[in-house]
N, C-alpha and C. Protein backbone atom coordinates (compact mmCIF):
# COMPACT_ATOMS: atom_id res chain seq x y z
N UNK A 1 153.53 -21.20 58.57
CA UNK A 1 152.73 -20.76 57.45
C UNK A 1 151.57 -21.72 57.27
N UNK A 2 150.40 -21.16 56.99
CA UNK A 2 149.22 -21.98 56.73
C UNK A 2 148.96 -22.03 55.24
N UNK A 3 148.59 -23.19 54.77
CA UNK A 3 148.23 -23.36 53.37
C UNK A 3 146.82 -23.89 53.32
N UNK A 4 145.99 -23.23 52.55
CA UNK A 4 144.61 -23.67 52.42
C UNK A 4 144.48 -24.48 51.14
N UNK A 5 143.94 -25.66 51.28
CA UNK A 5 143.68 -26.51 50.13
C UNK A 5 142.17 -26.69 50.04
N UNK A 6 141.61 -26.30 48.95
CA UNK A 6 140.17 -26.43 48.80
C UNK A 6 139.57 -25.20 48.16
N UNK A 7 138.27 -25.20 48.09
CA UNK A 7 137.52 -24.15 47.43
C UNK A 7 137.39 -22.93 48.33
N UNK A 8 137.65 -21.76 47.80
CA UNK A 8 137.47 -20.51 48.51
C UNK A 8 136.32 -19.78 47.84
N UNK A 9 135.26 -19.50 48.59
CA UNK A 9 134.09 -18.85 48.01
C UNK A 9 134.26 -17.35 47.96
N UNK A 10 133.48 -16.71 47.14
CA UNK A 10 133.45 -15.26 47.04
C UNK A 10 132.26 -14.76 47.86
N UNK A 11 132.38 -14.76 49.17
CA UNK A 11 131.28 -14.38 50.03
C UNK A 11 131.30 -12.89 50.32
N UNK A 12 130.19 -12.39 50.81
CA UNK A 12 130.07 -10.99 51.20
C UNK A 12 130.09 -10.89 52.72
N UNK A 13 131.20 -11.22 53.31
CA UNK A 13 131.32 -11.19 54.76
C UNK A 13 132.00 -9.89 55.19
N UNK A 14 131.46 -9.27 56.22
CA UNK A 14 132.02 -8.05 56.77
C UNK A 14 132.34 -8.30 58.24
N UNK A 15 133.51 -7.85 58.67
CA UNK A 15 133.84 -8.02 60.08
C UNK A 15 134.75 -6.88 60.52
N UNK A 16 134.72 -6.62 61.83
CA UNK A 16 135.63 -5.64 62.39
C UNK A 16 135.82 -5.92 63.87
N UNK A 17 136.93 -5.43 64.39
CA UNK A 17 137.29 -5.52 65.80
C UNK A 17 137.70 -4.11 66.20
N UNK A 18 136.90 -3.50 67.09
CA UNK A 18 137.11 -2.09 67.42
C UNK A 18 137.01 -1.90 68.93
N UNK A 19 137.79 -0.96 69.46
CA UNK A 19 137.67 -0.58 70.86
C UNK A 19 137.03 0.80 70.88
N UNK A 20 135.90 0.92 71.57
CA UNK A 20 135.22 2.20 71.61
C UNK A 20 133.87 2.10 72.28
N UNK A 21 132.92 2.90 71.79
CA UNK A 21 131.59 2.97 72.38
C UNK A 21 130.53 2.65 71.33
N UNK A 22 129.39 2.21 71.80
CA UNK A 22 128.26 1.94 70.92
C UNK A 22 127.41 3.20 70.82
N UNK A 23 126.95 3.51 69.61
CA UNK A 23 126.11 4.68 69.36
C UNK A 23 124.94 4.30 68.46
N UNK A 24 123.90 5.09 68.52
CA UNK A 24 122.79 4.89 67.59
C UNK A 24 123.20 5.42 66.23
N UNK A 25 122.48 5.02 65.21
CA UNK A 25 122.80 5.49 63.87
C UNK A 25 122.66 7.01 63.79
N UNK A 26 121.70 7.58 64.52
CA UNK A 26 121.52 9.03 64.53
C UNK A 26 122.73 9.74 65.14
N UNK A 27 123.25 9.21 66.24
CA UNK A 27 124.43 9.80 66.87
C UNK A 27 125.64 9.72 65.92
N UNK A 28 125.77 8.59 65.24
CA UNK A 28 126.89 8.44 64.31
C UNK A 28 126.79 9.42 63.15
N UNK A 29 125.60 9.62 62.64
CA UNK A 29 125.40 10.52 61.51
C UNK A 29 125.72 11.97 61.87
N UNK A 30 125.52 12.34 63.14
CA UNK A 30 125.79 13.71 63.58
C UNK A 30 127.28 14.01 63.62
N UNK A 31 128.11 12.98 63.72
CA UNK A 31 129.55 13.18 63.75
C UNK A 31 130.05 13.54 62.36
N UNK A 32 131.01 14.45 62.30
CA UNK A 32 131.55 14.85 61.01
C UNK A 32 132.42 13.73 60.44
N UNK A 33 132.69 13.84 59.17
CA UNK A 33 133.59 12.88 58.51
C UNK A 33 135.02 13.07 58.99
N UNK A 34 135.35 14.26 59.45
CA UNK A 34 136.71 14.59 59.88
C UNK A 34 136.86 14.35 61.37
N UNK A 35 136.89 13.08 61.75
CA UNK A 35 137.02 12.73 63.16
C UNK A 35 138.44 12.96 63.65
N UNK A 36 138.61 13.27 64.95
CA UNK A 36 139.96 13.51 65.47
C UNK A 36 140.81 12.24 65.50
N UNK A 37 142.10 12.42 65.30
CA UNK A 37 143.04 11.31 65.41
C UNK A 37 142.71 10.16 64.49
N UNK A 38 142.73 8.96 65.05
CA UNK A 38 142.46 7.75 64.28
C UNK A 38 141.06 7.20 64.50
N UNK A 39 140.18 7.99 65.12
CA UNK A 39 138.84 7.50 65.39
C UNK A 39 138.12 7.18 64.09
N UNK A 40 137.30 6.14 64.15
CA UNK A 40 136.54 5.74 62.97
C UNK A 40 135.16 5.26 63.37
N UNK A 41 134.24 5.33 62.43
CA UNK A 41 132.88 4.86 62.65
C UNK A 41 132.74 3.49 61.98
N UNK A 42 132.09 2.59 62.67
CA UNK A 42 131.78 1.27 62.12
C UNK A 42 130.30 1.02 62.33
N UNK A 43 129.62 0.54 61.33
CA UNK A 43 128.20 0.27 61.44
C UNK A 43 127.96 -1.22 61.61
N UNK A 44 127.07 -1.56 62.52
CA UNK A 44 126.72 -2.96 62.72
C UNK A 44 125.64 -3.34 61.73
N UNK A 45 125.28 -4.59 61.72
CA UNK A 45 124.29 -5.12 60.78
C UNK A 45 122.95 -4.43 60.92
N UNK A 46 122.59 -4.03 62.15
CA UNK A 46 121.29 -3.40 62.38
C UNK A 46 121.34 -1.88 62.24
N UNK A 47 122.41 -1.35 61.65
CA UNK A 47 122.58 0.07 61.33
C UNK A 47 123.00 0.95 62.49
N UNK A 48 122.93 0.48 63.74
CA UNK A 48 123.58 1.24 64.80
C UNK A 48 125.06 0.95 64.66
N UNK A 49 125.88 1.48 65.52
CA UNK A 49 127.29 1.22 65.30
C UNK A 49 128.17 1.63 66.44
N UNK A 50 129.44 1.87 66.11
CA UNK A 50 130.48 2.07 67.10
C UNK A 50 131.42 3.18 66.66
N UNK A 51 131.97 3.86 67.65
CA UNK A 51 132.98 4.87 67.41
C UNK A 51 134.19 4.47 68.22
N UNK A 52 135.34 4.42 67.60
CA UNK A 52 136.55 4.04 68.30
C UNK A 52 137.69 3.84 67.33
N UNK A 53 138.60 2.94 67.70
CA UNK A 53 139.74 2.60 66.85
C UNK A 53 139.79 1.11 66.65
N UNK A 54 140.15 0.74 65.46
CA UNK A 54 140.35 -0.66 65.15
C UNK A 54 141.64 -1.15 65.84
N UNK A 55 141.60 -2.38 66.32
CA UNK A 55 142.77 -2.92 67.01
C UNK A 55 143.96 -3.06 66.07
N UNK A 56 143.74 -3.08 64.77
CA UNK A 56 144.89 -3.19 63.87
C UNK A 56 145.62 -1.86 63.68
N UNK A 57 145.16 -0.80 64.39
CA UNK A 57 145.86 0.49 64.33
C UNK A 57 146.80 0.71 65.52
N UNK A 58 146.94 -0.30 66.38
CA UNK A 58 147.87 -0.18 67.51
C UNK A 58 149.28 -0.02 66.94
N UNK A 59 149.97 1.01 67.41
CA UNK A 59 151.33 1.27 66.94
C UNK A 59 152.31 0.29 67.56
N UNK A 60 153.44 0.09 66.92
CA UNK A 60 154.45 -0.85 67.40
C UNK A 60 154.95 -0.51 68.80
N UNK A 61 155.03 0.77 69.13
CA UNK A 61 155.55 1.17 70.43
C UNK A 61 154.44 1.54 71.42
N UNK A 62 153.22 1.12 71.14
CA UNK A 62 152.06 1.45 71.96
C UNK A 62 151.57 0.20 72.71
N UNK A 63 151.37 0.33 74.01
CA UNK A 63 150.83 -0.79 74.78
C UNK A 63 149.31 -0.82 74.63
N UNK A 64 148.70 -1.92 75.01
CA UNK A 64 147.24 -2.02 74.98
C UNK A 64 146.60 -0.96 75.86
N UNK A 65 147.21 -0.70 77.01
CA UNK A 65 146.68 0.31 77.92
C UNK A 65 146.76 1.70 77.29
N UNK A 66 147.87 2.01 76.65
CA UNK A 66 148.02 3.30 75.99
C UNK A 66 147.01 3.45 74.85
N UNK A 67 146.81 2.38 74.11
CA UNK A 67 145.83 2.36 73.02
C UNK A 67 144.44 2.71 73.55
N UNK A 68 144.01 2.00 74.59
CA UNK A 68 142.69 2.24 75.17
C UNK A 68 142.56 3.66 75.72
N UNK A 69 143.60 4.13 76.43
CA UNK A 69 143.55 5.49 76.98
C UNK A 69 143.43 6.53 75.89
N UNK A 70 144.13 6.34 74.77
CA UNK A 70 144.06 7.32 73.68
C UNK A 70 142.67 7.33 73.05
N UNK A 71 142.06 6.17 72.90
CA UNK A 71 140.70 6.09 72.35
C UNK A 71 139.73 6.80 73.29
N UNK A 72 139.81 6.49 74.57
CA UNK A 72 138.90 7.07 75.55
C UNK A 72 139.05 8.60 75.59
N UNK A 73 140.27 9.10 75.54
CA UNK A 73 140.51 10.54 75.56
C UNK A 73 139.85 11.22 74.37
N UNK A 74 140.03 10.66 73.16
CA UNK A 74 139.47 11.28 71.96
C UNK A 74 137.94 11.22 71.93
N UNK A 75 137.37 10.10 72.36
CA UNK A 75 135.91 9.96 72.34
C UNK A 75 135.28 10.88 73.38
N UNK A 76 135.90 10.99 74.55
CA UNK A 76 135.35 11.85 75.60
C UNK A 76 135.33 13.32 75.19
N UNK A 77 136.23 13.73 74.30
CA UNK A 77 136.21 15.10 73.79
C UNK A 77 134.92 15.35 73.01
N UNK A 78 134.43 14.34 72.30
CA UNK A 78 133.23 14.48 71.48
C UNK A 78 131.95 14.40 72.30
N UNK A 79 132.01 13.68 73.43
CA UNK A 79 130.83 13.48 74.29
C UNK A 79 131.18 13.78 75.74
N UNK A 80 131.48 15.05 76.06
CA UNK A 80 131.95 15.37 77.42
C UNK A 80 130.90 15.16 78.51
N UNK A 81 129.63 15.22 78.17
CA UNK A 81 128.59 15.12 79.19
C UNK A 81 127.81 13.81 79.14
N UNK A 82 128.29 12.85 78.42
CA UNK A 82 127.59 11.58 78.27
C UNK A 82 128.35 10.49 79.03
N UNK A 83 127.61 9.63 79.75
CA UNK A 83 128.23 8.49 80.41
C UNK A 83 128.58 7.47 79.32
N UNK A 84 129.84 7.12 79.25
CA UNK A 84 130.32 6.26 78.17
C UNK A 84 130.79 4.92 78.71
N UNK A 85 130.46 3.87 77.99
CA UNK A 85 130.93 2.53 78.33
C UNK A 85 131.81 2.02 77.19
N UNK A 86 133.10 1.96 77.45
CA UNK A 86 134.06 1.51 76.46
C UNK A 86 134.22 0.00 76.52
N UNK A 87 134.38 -0.60 75.33
CA UNK A 87 134.60 -2.04 75.27
C UNK A 87 135.15 -2.41 73.90
N UNK A 88 135.65 -3.62 73.81
CA UNK A 88 136.07 -4.16 72.53
C UNK A 88 134.89 -4.85 71.90
N UNK A 89 134.63 -4.52 70.65
CA UNK A 89 133.50 -5.09 69.93
C UNK A 89 134.02 -5.86 68.73
N UNK A 90 133.54 -7.08 68.60
CA UNK A 90 133.87 -7.91 67.44
C UNK A 90 132.57 -8.21 66.72
N UNK A 91 132.45 -7.78 65.49
CA UNK A 91 131.24 -8.02 64.71
C UNK A 91 131.61 -8.70 63.41
N UNK A 92 130.79 -9.61 63.01
CA UNK A 92 130.93 -10.25 61.71
C UNK A 92 129.56 -10.65 61.24
N UNK A 93 129.28 -10.39 60.01
CA UNK A 93 128.00 -10.79 59.45
C UNK A 93 128.18 -11.05 57.96
N UNK A 94 127.29 -11.85 57.44
CA UNK A 94 127.36 -12.26 56.04
C UNK A 94 126.10 -11.83 55.33
N UNK A 95 126.28 -11.23 54.19
CA UNK A 95 125.17 -10.78 53.36
C UNK A 95 124.97 -11.80 52.26
N UNK A 96 124.05 -12.69 52.49
CA UNK A 96 123.79 -13.67 51.43
C UNK A 96 123.79 -15.07 51.89
């Protein structure tokens, strides 16, 4: 167990860790709010963003390979004719 001793600030930090593809803000806006499965949209600081699944949604009985395959399958359904580059993205930025 970790114990923090000291001052904790009330910062406006945003971060995420997602496996998926990078998209422009226009491409993200064209997607409906009702995405298939567990897919989610995340916006980066510059307003473009990513479509995929957060790593904290991996199920207890799911391997990393199964997780990635499920993400790729769902995303490819939305973009069947587009060359896609899947990767893990870690973003963090502070407002202020």
